[in-house]
C-alpha atoms as a PDB file:
ATOM      1  CA  MET A   1       1.238 -24.406   9.919  1.00  0.00           C
ATOM      2  CA  ARG A   2       2.723 -26.818   7.384  1.00  0.00           C
ATOM      3  CA  THR A   3       6.479 -27.003   6.833  1.00  0.00           C
ATOM      4  CA  VAL A   4       6.256 -25.585   3.332  1.00  0.00           C
ATOM      5  CA  ASP A   5       4.214 -22.625   4.629  1.00  0.00           C
ATOM      6  CA  LYS A   6       6.842 -21.938   7.294  1.00  0.00           C
ATOM      7  CA  ALA A   7       9.654 -22.056   4.748  1.00  0.00           C
ATOM      8  CA  ILE A   8       7.870 -19.656   2.393  1.00  0.00           C
ATOM      9  CA  GLU A   9       7.230 -17.321   5.323  1.00  0.00           C
ATOM     10  CA  LEU A  10      10.987 -17.137   5.958  1.00  0.00           C
ATOM     11  CA  LEU A  11      11.629 -16.182   2.326  1.00  0.00           C
ATOM     12  CA  GLY A  12       9.132 -13.353   2.701  1.00  0.00           C
ATOM     13  CA  LEU A  13      11.288 -11.729   5.396  1.00  0.00           C
ATOM     14  CA  PHE A  14      13.944 -10.665   2.877  1.00  0.00           C
ATOM     15  CA  SER A  15      13.715  -7.475   0.829  1.00  0.00           C
ATOM     16  CA  GLU A  16      15.952  -5.091  -1.093  1.00  0.00           C
ATOM     17  CA  HIS A  17      15.837  -2.863   1.974  1.00  0.00           C
ATOM     18  CA  GLU A  18      17.113  -5.739   4.136  1.00  0.00           C
ATOM     19  CA  PRO A  19      18.694  -8.412   1.906  1.00  0.00           C
ATOM     20  CA  GLU A  20      20.601 -10.202   4.707  1.00  0.00           C
ATOM     21  CA  ILE A  21      19.222 -11.338   8.071  1.00  0.00           C
ATOM     22  CA  GLY A  22      20.801 -13.338  10.912  1.00  0.00           C
ATOM     23  CA  LEU A  23      19.330 -16.530  12.337  1.00  0.00           C
ATOM     24  CA  SER A  24      18.255 -14.979  15.644  1.00  0.00           C
ATOM     25  CA  GLU A  25      16.436 -12.135  13.901  1.00  0.00           C
ATOM     26  CA  ILE A  26      14.776 -14.526  11.453  1.00  0.00           C
ATOM     27  CA  SER A  27      13.585 -16.661  14.349  1.00  0.00           C
ATOM     28  CA  ARG A  28      12.234 -13.641  16.224  1.00  0.00           C
ATOM     29  CA  ARG A  29      10.340 -12.190  13.275  1.00  0.00           C
ATOM     30  CA  ALA A  30       8.885 -15.504  12.158  1.00  0.00           C
ATOM     31  CA  LYS A  31       8.029 -16.434  15.765  1.00  0.00           C
ATOM     32  CA  PHE A  32       9.707 -19.851  15.342  1.00  0.00           C
ATOM     33  CA  ASP A  33      12.285 -21.283  17.734  1.00  0.00           C
ATOM     34  CA  LYS A  34      15.890 -21.243  16.517  1.00  0.00           C
ATOM     35  CA  ALA A  35      16.014 -24.987  15.892  1.00  0.00           C
ATOM     36  CA  THR A  36      12.961 -24.811  13.631  1.00  0.00           C
ATOM     37  CA  SER A  37      14.273 -21.745  11.809  1.00  0.00           C
ATOM     38  CA  ARG A  38      17.667 -23.377  11.255  1.00  0.00           C
ATOM     39  CA  ARG A  39      16.073 -26.576   9.946  1.00  0.00           C
ATOM     40  CA  LEU A  40      13.910 -24.636   7.508  1.00  0.00           C
ATOM     41  CA  LEU A  41      16.850 -22.522   6.337  1.00  0.00           C
ATOM     42  CA  LEU A  42      18.969 -25.625   5.742  1.00  0.00           C
ATOM     43  CA  ALA A  43      16.167 -27.106   3.630  1.00  0.00           C
ATOM     44  CA  LEU A  44      15.872 -23.881   1.641  1.00  0.00           C
ATOM     45  CA  ALA A  45      19.657 -23.708   1.213  1.00  0.00           C
ATOM     46  CA  LYS A  46      19.734 -27.291  -0.107  1.00  0.00           C
ATOM     47  CA  HIS A  47      17.587 -26.141  -3.029  1.00  0.00           C
ATOM     48  CA  GLY A  48      19.388 -22.829  -3.528  1.00  0.00           C
ATOM     49  CA  MET A  49      16.554 -20.698  -2.181  1.00  0.00           C
ATOM     50  CA  VAL A  50      18.785 -19.130   0.482  1.00  0.00           C
ATOM     51  CA  GLU A  51      22.504 -19.035   1.214  1.00  0.00           C
ATOM     52  CA  GLN A  52      24.775 -17.780   3.982  1.00  0.00           C
ATOM     53  CA  ASN A  53      27.161 -14.908   3.552  1.00  0.00           C
ATOM     54  CA  PRO A  54      30.495 -16.526   4.529  1.00  0.00           C
ATOM     55  CA  ASP A  55      31.759 -13.259   5.992  1.00  0.00           C
ATOM     56  CA  ASN A  56      29.009 -12.648   8.556  1.00  0.00           C
ATOM     57  CA  ARG A  57      26.941 -15.881   8.524  1.00  0.00           C
ATOM     58  CA  ARG A  58      23.785 -13.935   7.784  1.00  0.00           C
ATOM     59  CA  TYR A  59      21.269 -15.437   5.372  1.00  0.00           C
ATOM     60  CA  ARG A  60      20.260 -14.017   2.023  1.00  0.00           C
ATOM     61  CA  ILE A  61      18.193 -15.057  -1.006  1.00  0.00           C
ATOM     62  CA  GLY A  62      19.961 -17.733  -3.039  1.00  0.00           C
ATOM     63  CA  PRO A  63      20.423 -18.249  -6.795  1.00  0.00           C
ATOM     64  CA  GLY A  64      17.538 -20.727  -6.965  1.00  0.00           C
ATOM     65  CA  VAL A  65      15.078 -17.868  -6.595  1.00  0.00           C
ATOM     66  CA  LEU A  66      16.655 -16.074  -9.551  1.00  0.00           C
ATOM     67  CA  ARG A  67      16.083 -19.101 -11.757  1.00  0.00           C
ATOM     68  CA  LEU A  68      12.410 -19.224 -10.790  1.00  0.00           C
ATOM     69  CA  ALA A  69      12.126 -15.463 -11.315  1.00  0.00           C
ATOM     70  CA  ARG A  70      13.465 -15.846 -14.863  1.00  0.00           C
ATOM     71  CA  VAL A  71      10.917 -18.596 -15.560  1.00  0.00           C
ATOM     72  CA  ARG A  72       8.140 -16.393 -14.178  1.00  0.00           C
ATOM     73  CA  GLU A  73       9.273 -13.413 -16.242  1.00  0.00           C
ATOM     74  CA  THR A  74       9.350 -15.575 -19.389  1.00  0.00           C
ATOM     75  CA  THR A  75       5.745 -16.644 -18.938  1.00  0.00           C
ATOM     76  CA  MET A  76       4.451 -13.275 -17.701  1.00  0.00           C
ATOM     77  CA  PRO A  77       6.897 -10.396 -18.301  1.00  0.00           C
ATOM     78  CA  LEU A  78       5.310  -8.061 -15.771  1.00  0.00           C
ATOM     79  CA  ALA A  79       8.273  -5.707 -15.590  1.00  0.00           C
ATOM     80  CA  ALA A  80       8.215  -5.103 -19.331  1.00  0.00           C
ATOM     81  CA  ILE A  81       4.477  -4.438 -19.189  1.00  0.00           C
ATOM     82  CA  VAL A  82       4.345  -2.377 -16.000  1.00  0.00           C
ATOM     83  CA  GLN A  83       7.341  -0.034 -16.278  1.00  0.00           C
ATOM     84  CA  PRO A  84       6.173   1.911 -19.368  1.00  0.00           C
ATOM     85  CA  VAL A  85       2.742   2.318 -17.755  1.00  0.00           C
ATOM     86  CA  LEU A  86       4.361   3.701 -14.609  1.00  0.00           C
ATOM     87  CA  LYS A  87       6.409   6.148 -16.683  1.00  0.00           C
ATOM     88  CA  ARG A  88       3.250   7.439 -18.360  1.00  0.00           C
ATOM     89  CA  LEU A  89       1.630   7.879 -14.957  1.00  0.00           C
ATOM     90  CA  VAL A  90       4.562   9.980 -13.775  1.00  0.00           C
ATOM     91  CA  ASP A  91       4.447  12.015 -16.989  1.00  0.00           C
ATOM     92  CA  GLY A  92       0.699  12.552 -16.580  1.00  0.00           C
ATOM     93  CA  THR A  93       0.547  13.264 -12.856  1.00  0.00           C
ATOM     94  CA  GLY A  94       4.025  14.493 -11.952  1.00  0.00           C
ATOM     95  CA  GLU A  95       4.054  12.125  -8.959  1.00  0.00           C
ATOM     96  CA  THR A  96       5.746   8.838  -8.040  1.00  0.00           C
ATOM     97  CA  ALA A  97       4.033   5.736  -9.424  1.00  0.00           C
ATOM     98  CA  HIS A  98       4.502   2.163  -8.252  1.00  0.00           C
ATOM     99  CA  PHE A  99       3.210  -1.348  -8.771  1.00  0.00           C
ATOM    100  CA  THR A 100       2.725  -3.843  -5.944  1.00  0.00           C
ATOM    101  CA  LEU A 101       2.238  -7.578  -6.212  1.00  0.00           C
ATOM    102  CA  LEU A 102       0.347  -9.837  -3.816  1.00  0.00           C
ATOM    103  CA  SER A 103       2.120 -13.124  -3.060  1.00  0.00           C
ATOM    104  CA  GLY A 104       1.295 -15.539  -0.264  1.00  0.00           C
ATOM    105  CA  GLY A 105      -0.661 -12.888   1.614  1.00  0.00           C
ATOM    106  CA  ASP A 106       2.178 -10.339   1.452  1.00  0.00           C
ATOM    107  CA  LEU A 107       2.092  -7.167  -0.608  1.00  0.00           C
ATOM    108  CA  SER A 108       5.456  -6.127  -2.059  1.00  0.00           C
ATOM    109  CA  THR A 109       6.574  -3.197  -4.185  1.00  0.00           C
ATOM    110  CA  VAL A 110       8.005  -4.682  -7.381  1.00  0.00           C
ATOM    111  CA  ALA A 111       8.262  -1.690  -9.740  1.00  0.00           C
ATOM    112  CA  ILE A 112       8.723   2.043  -9.143  1.00  0.00           C
ATOM    113  CA  GLN A 113       8.956   5.146 -11.312  1.00  0.00           C
ATOM    114  CA  ASP A 114      10.092   8.154  -9.310  1.00  0.00           C
ATOM    115  CA  SER A 115       8.660  11.610  -9.726  1.00  0.00           C
ATOM    116  CA  ARG A 116      11.131  14.066 -11.197  1.00  0.00           C
ATOM    117  CA  ARG A 117      10.234  16.633  -8.547  1.00  0.00           C
ATOM    118  CA  SER A 118      12.710  17.260  -5.741  1.00  0.00           C
ATOM    119  CA  ASN A 119       9.912  17.060  -3.163  1.00  0.00           C
ATOM    120  CA  ARG A 120       8.501  13.615  -3.893  1.00  0.00           C
ATOM    121  CA  VAL A 121       7.401  10.384  -2.279  1.00  0.00           C
ATOM    122  CA  ASN A 122      10.229   7.835  -2.249  1.00  0.00           C
ATOM    123  CA  MET A 123       9.433   4.117  -2.388  1.00  0.00           C
ATOM    124  CA  VAL A 124      11.662   1.177  -1.403  1.00  0.00           C
ATOM    125  CA  PRO A 125      11.901  -1.687  -3.936  1.00  0.00           C
ATOM    126  CA  GLY A 126      10.866  -4.991  -2.394  1.00  0.00           C
ATOM    127  CA  GLU A 127       9.295  -3.335   0.639  1.00  0.00           C
ATOM    128  CA  THR A 128       6.449  -5.320   2.210  1.00  0.00           C
ATOM    129  CA  LEU A 129       3.398  -3.120   2.735  1.00  0.00           C
ATOM    130  CA  PRO A 130       0.446  -3.522   5.123  1.00  0.00           C
ATOM    131  CA  LEU A 131      -2.822  -4.346   3.404  1.00  0.00           C
ATOM    132  CA  HIS A 132      -5.041  -2.227   5.646  1.00  0.00           C
ATOM    133  CA  ALA A 133      -2.893   0.932   5.700  1.00  0.00           C
ATOM    134  CA  THR A 134      -2.008   1.481   2.034  1.00  0.00           C
ATOM    135  CA  ALA A 135      -4.093   2.375  -0.991  1.00  0.00           C
ATOM    136  CA  SER A 136      -2.644  -0.598  -2.875  1.00  0.00           C
ATOM    137  CA  GLY A 137      -3.490  -2.976  -0.041  1.00  0.00           C
ATOM    138  CA  LEU A 138      -7.035  -1.690   0.326  1.00  0.00           C
ATOM    139  CA  ALA A 139      -7.607  -1.838  -3.440  1.00  0.00           C
ATOM    140  CA  ILE A 140      -6.671  -5.528  -3.399  1.00  0.00           C
ATOM    141  CA  LEU A 141      -8.478  -6.309  -0.150  1.00  0.00           C
ATOM    142  CA  ALA A 142     -11.731  -4.922  -1.509  1.00  0.00           C
ATOM    143  CA  PHE A 143     -11.945  -7.627  -4.148  1.00  0.00           C
ATOM    144  CA  LEU A 144     -10.431 -10.377  -2.010  1.00  0.00           C
ATOM    145  CA  GLU A 145     -13.151  -9.714   0.554  1.00  0.00           C
ATOM    146  CA  ASN A 146     -15.716 -10.174  -2.173  1.00  0.00           C
ATOM    147  CA  GLU A 147     -14.457 -13.784  -2.418  1.00  0.00           C
ATOM    148  CA  ASN A 148     -13.776 -14.268   1.289  1.00  0.00           C
ATOM    149  CA  PRO A 149     -15.954 -12.080   3.576  1.00  0.00           C
ATOM    150  CA  SER A 150     -14.035 -13.200   6.687  1.00  0.00           C
ATOM    151  CA  ILE A 151     -10.715 -11.811   5.487  1.00  0.00           C
ATOM    152  CA  VAL A 152     -11.096  -8.493   7.341  1.00  0.00           C
ATOM    153  CA  LYS A 153     -11.635 -10.348  10.635  1.00  0.00           C
ATOM    154  CA  LYS A 154      -8.164 -11.885  10.296  1.00  0.00           C
ATOM    155  CA  LEU A 155      -6.315  -8.623   9.671  1.00  0.00           C
ATOM    156  CA  LYS A 156      -3.973  -7.206  12.289  1.00  0.00           C
ATOM    157  CA  LEU A 157      -5.003  -3.565  12.182  1.00  0.00           C
ATOM    158  CA  GLU A 158      -1.715  -2.085  13.362  1.00  0.00           C
ATOM    159  CA  PRO A 159      -1.746   1.736  13.581  1.00  0.00           C
ATOM    160  CA  PHE A 160       0.947   3.618  11.637  1.00  0.00           C
ATOM    161  CA  THR A 161      -0.469   7.153  11.837  1.00  0.00           C
ATOM    162  CA  LYS A 162      -3.433   8.721  13.608  1.00  0.00           C
ATOM    163  CA  LEU A 163      -5.415   8.193  10.393  1.00  0.00           C
ATOM    164  CA  THR A 164      -4.721   4.461  10.021  1.00  0.00           C
ATOM    165  CA  LEU A 165      -7.871   2.363   9.729  1.00  0.00           C
ATOM    166  CA  THR A 166      -8.008   0.321  12.939  1.00  0.00           C
ATOM    167  CA  ASP A 167     -11.779  -0.152  13.209  1.00  0.00           C
ATOM    168  CA  ARG A 168     -13.013  -3.223  11.316  1.00  0.00           C
ATOM    169  CA  ALA A 169     -16.374  -1.669  10.515  1.00  0.00           C
ATOM    170  CA  ARG A 170     -14.620   1.345   8.997  1.00  0.00           C
ATOM    171  CA  VAL A 171     -12.306  -0.901   6.985  1.00  0.00           C
ATOM    172  CA  GLY A 172     -15.349  -2.791   5.719  1.00  0.00           C
ATOM    173  CA  GLN A 173     -17.013   0.403   4.543  1.00  0.00           C
ATOM    174  CA  VAL A 174     -13.876   1.561   2.734  1.00  0.00           C
ATOM    175  CA  LEU A 175     -13.722  -1.792   0.937  1.00  0.00           C
ATOM    176  CA  ILE A 176     -17.382  -1.506  -0.105  1.00  0.00           C
ATOM    177  CA  ASP A 177     -16.711   1.969  -1.502  1.00  0.00           C
ATOM    178  CA  THR A 178     -13.592   0.705  -3.293  1.00  0.00           C
ATOM    179  CA  ARG A 179     -15.513  -2.075  -5.040  1.00  0.00           C
ATOM    180  CA  ARG A 180     -18.135   0.445  -6.132  1.00  0.00           C
ATOM    181  CA  LEU A 181     -15.640   3.027  -7.400  1.00  0.00           C
ATOM    182  CA  GLY A 182     -12.857   0.766  -8.663  1.00  0.00           C
ATOM    183  CA  TYR A 183     -10.156   2.725  -6.815  1.00  0.00           C
ATOM    184  CA  VAL A 184      -9.282   3.976  -3.324  1.00  0.00           C
ATOM    185  CA  ASN A 185      -7.657   7.092  -1.879  1.00  0.00           C
ATOM    186  CA  ASN A 186      -5.266   6.952   1.061  1.00  0.00           C
ATOM    187  CA  PRO A 187      -5.148  10.305   2.906  1.00  0.00           C
ATOM    188  CA  GLY A 188      -2.228   9.307   5.140  1.00  0.00           C
ATOM    189  CA  TYR A 189      -3.001   5.897   6.636  1.00  0.00           C
ATOM    190  CA  TYR A 190       0.608   4.648   6.381  1.00  0.00           C
ATOM    191  CA  GLU A 191       2.833   7.717   6.433  1.00  0.00           C
ATOM    192  CA  VAL A 192       2.103  11.217   7.683  1.00  0.00           C
ATOM    193  CA  ASP A 193       1.689  13.742   4.858  1.00  0.00           C
ATOM    194  CA  VAL A 194       1.842  11.026   2.164  1.00  0.00           C
ATOM    195  CA  CYS A 195      -1.335  10.437   0.139  1.00  0.00           C
ATOM    196  CA  SER A 196      -2.001   7.965  -2.648  1.00  0.00           C
ATOM    197  CA  THR A 197      -4.564   6.537  -5.034  1.00  0.00           C
ATOM    198  CA  ALA A 198      -4.574   2.895  -6.163  1.00  0.00           C
ATOM    199  CA  ALA A 199      -6.568   0.566  -8.380  1.00  0.00           C
ATOM    200  CA  PRO A 200      -6.343  -3.243  -8.494  1.00  0.00           C
ATOM    201  CA  VAL A 201      -4.950  -5.431 -11.263  1.00  0.00           C
ATOM    202  CA  PHE A 202      -6.695  -8.761 -11.964  1.00  0.00           C
ATOM    203  CA  ASP A 203      -5.730 -12.147 -13.362  1.00  0.00           C
ATOM    204  CA  LEU A 204      -7.657 -14.320 -15.822  1.00  0.00           C
ATOM    205  CA  SER A 205     -10.124 -15.445 -13.154  1.00  0.00           C
ATOM    206  CA  GLY A 206     -10.865 -11.873 -12.060  1.00  0.00           C
ATOM    207  CA  ARG A 207      -8.876 -12.260  -8.835  1.00  0.00           C
ATOM    208  CA  PRO A 208      -6.734  -9.293  -7.706  1.00  0.00           C
ATOM    209  CA  ILE A 209      -3.015 -10.042  -7.977  1.00  0.00           C
ATOM    210  CA  GLY A 210      -1.635  -6.561  -7.407  1.00  0.00           C
ATOM    211  CA  ALA A 211      -2.277  -2.844  -7.640  1.00  0.00           C
ATOM    212  CA  ILE A 212      -0.950   0.222  -9.368  1.00  0.00           C
ATOM    213  CA  ALA A 213      -0.758   3.485  -7.443  1.00  0.00           C
ATOM    214  CA  VAL A 214       0.393   7.077  -7.494  1.00  0.00           C
ATOM    215  CA  ALA A 215       1.716   8.640  -4.289  1.00  0.00           C
ATOM    216  CA  ALA A 216       2.058  12.363  -3.613  1.00  0.00           C
ATOM    217  CA  PRO A 217       2.908  14.712  -0.762  1.00  0.00           C
ATOM    218  CA  GLN A 218      -0.266  15.816   1.003  1.00  0.00           C
ATOM    219  CA  ALA A 219       0.246  19.441  -0.045  1.00  0.00           C
ATOM    220  CA  ARG A 220      -0.170  18.461  -3.715  1.00  0.00           C
ATOM    221  CA  PHE A 221      -3.046  16.017  -3.163  1.00  0.00           C
ATOM    222  CA  THR A 222      -5.659  18.638  -3.992  1.00  0.00           C
ATOM    223  CA  GLU A 223      -9.148  17.805  -5.237  1.00  0.00           C
ATOM    224  CA  GLU A 224      -8.129  18.774  -8.754  1.00  0.00           C
ATOM    225  CA  ASN A 225      -5.019  16.594  -8.692  1.00  0.00           C
ATOM    226  CA  GLN A 226      -6.905  13.716  -7.089  1.00  0.00           C
ATOM    227  CA  GLU A 227      -9.273  13.660 -10.052  1.00  0.00           C
ATOM    228  CA  ILE A 228      -6.369  13.621 -12.514  1.00  0.00           C
ATOM    229  CA  ILE A 229      -4.560  10.891 -10.581  1.00  0.00           C
ATOM    230  CA  LYS A 230      -7.688   8.772 -10.129  1.00  0.00           C
ATOM    231  CA  THR A 231      -8.571   8.831 -13.817  1.00  0.00           C
ATOM    232  CA  GLN A 232      -5.080   7.840 -14.904  1.00  0.00           C
ATOM    233  CA  VAL A 233      -4.568   5.177 -12.213  1.00  0.00           C
ATOM    234  CA  VAL A 234      -7.849   3.414 -13.038  1.00  0.00           C
ATOM    235  CA  ALA A 235      -6.978   3.439 -16.745  1.00  0.00           C
ATOM    236  CA  ALA A 236      -3.474   2.131 -16.012  1.00  0.00           C
ATOM    237  CA  ALA A 237      -4.810  -0.734 -13.884  1.00  0.00           C
ATOM    238  CA  ALA A 238      -7.252  -1.719 -16.631  1.00  0.00           C
ATOM    239  CA  GLU A 239      -4.458  -1.619 -19.219  1.00  0.00           C
ATOM    240  CA  ILE A 240      -2.155  -3.883 -17.211  1.00  0.00           C
ATOM    241  CA  THR A 241      -5.017  -6.273 -16.467  1.00  0.00           C
ATOM    242  CA  SER A 242      -5.765  -6.505 -20.184  1.00  0.00           C
ATOM    243  CA  ARG A 243      -2.139  -6.932 -21.237  1.00  0.00           C
ATOM    244  CA  ILE A 244      -1.528  -9.843 -18.851  1.00  0.00           C
ATOM    245  CA  GLY A 245      -4.694 -11.552 -20.052  1.00  0.00           C
ATOM    246  CA  GLY A 246      -6.643 -10.660 -16.942  1.00  0.00           C
ATOM    247  CA  SER A 247     -10.347 -10.090 -16.553  1.00  0.00           C
ATOM    248  CA  LEU A 248     -12.187  -7.353 -14.666  1.00  0.00           C
ATOM    249  CA  PRO A 249     -14.687  -8.854 -12.182  1.00  0.00           C
ATOM    250  CA  SER A 250     -18.357  -8.260 -12.905  1.00  0.00           C
ATOM    251  CA  GLY A 251     -19.781  -5.156 -11.301  1.00  0.00           C
ATOM    252  CA  ARG A 252     -16.467  -3.299 -11.149  1.00  0.00           C
ATOM    253  CA  VAL A 253     -16.536   0.323 -12.267  1.00  0.00           C
ATOM    254  CA  THR A 254     -14.118   0.991 -15.150  1.00  0.00           C
END
């Protein structure tokens, strides 16, 4: 693995759920020795990508990332585009809606609109999600696999619930169905009693860059509600794709 890849991998360890991490924990999670992790962190700190909290010596994202984020938002204001769409999804379905973005092989939740119901699915901003166990991940994987058929072979099919897809043949079939339908349902692959529907969002080249999804408690994921959610999620994904100048790949159901 190249040095730049290793450094980017370290940045991917941070999230809003865990904004500060110590050196030993960083080294353990990245599977690098401490000397390598420290060297990479020092390089990142030199450019403002990370910094140390002087009180506890734990690392956190630095101001350099904020500058790049502002540049990114100027050229493609995703938040301004996505948030109103999420609000309409909540209004139309009554359930929590969220948008995830694929970056460097990781899938992260970047925008959330909570359901107004007391019994609702709660999402964590910045949380990294598994590709094979979430509707958003499977929606993206389906079209990535179309470009790279070997991608499923490289997945670590970690089980999260008894329903998690851990058989590669089964994953492959779900991805085929997702490409045909343009969306995917998750009946509880990641969390028990949490169901969701997601559809992918594409860039100019027709490559999936993220997904929009609605998540609901299993008790409310009835056939009738699934149809409502599916229709609105697919339309929302197409709208975001269009507004960012993206292009739906040929053969995708709209």
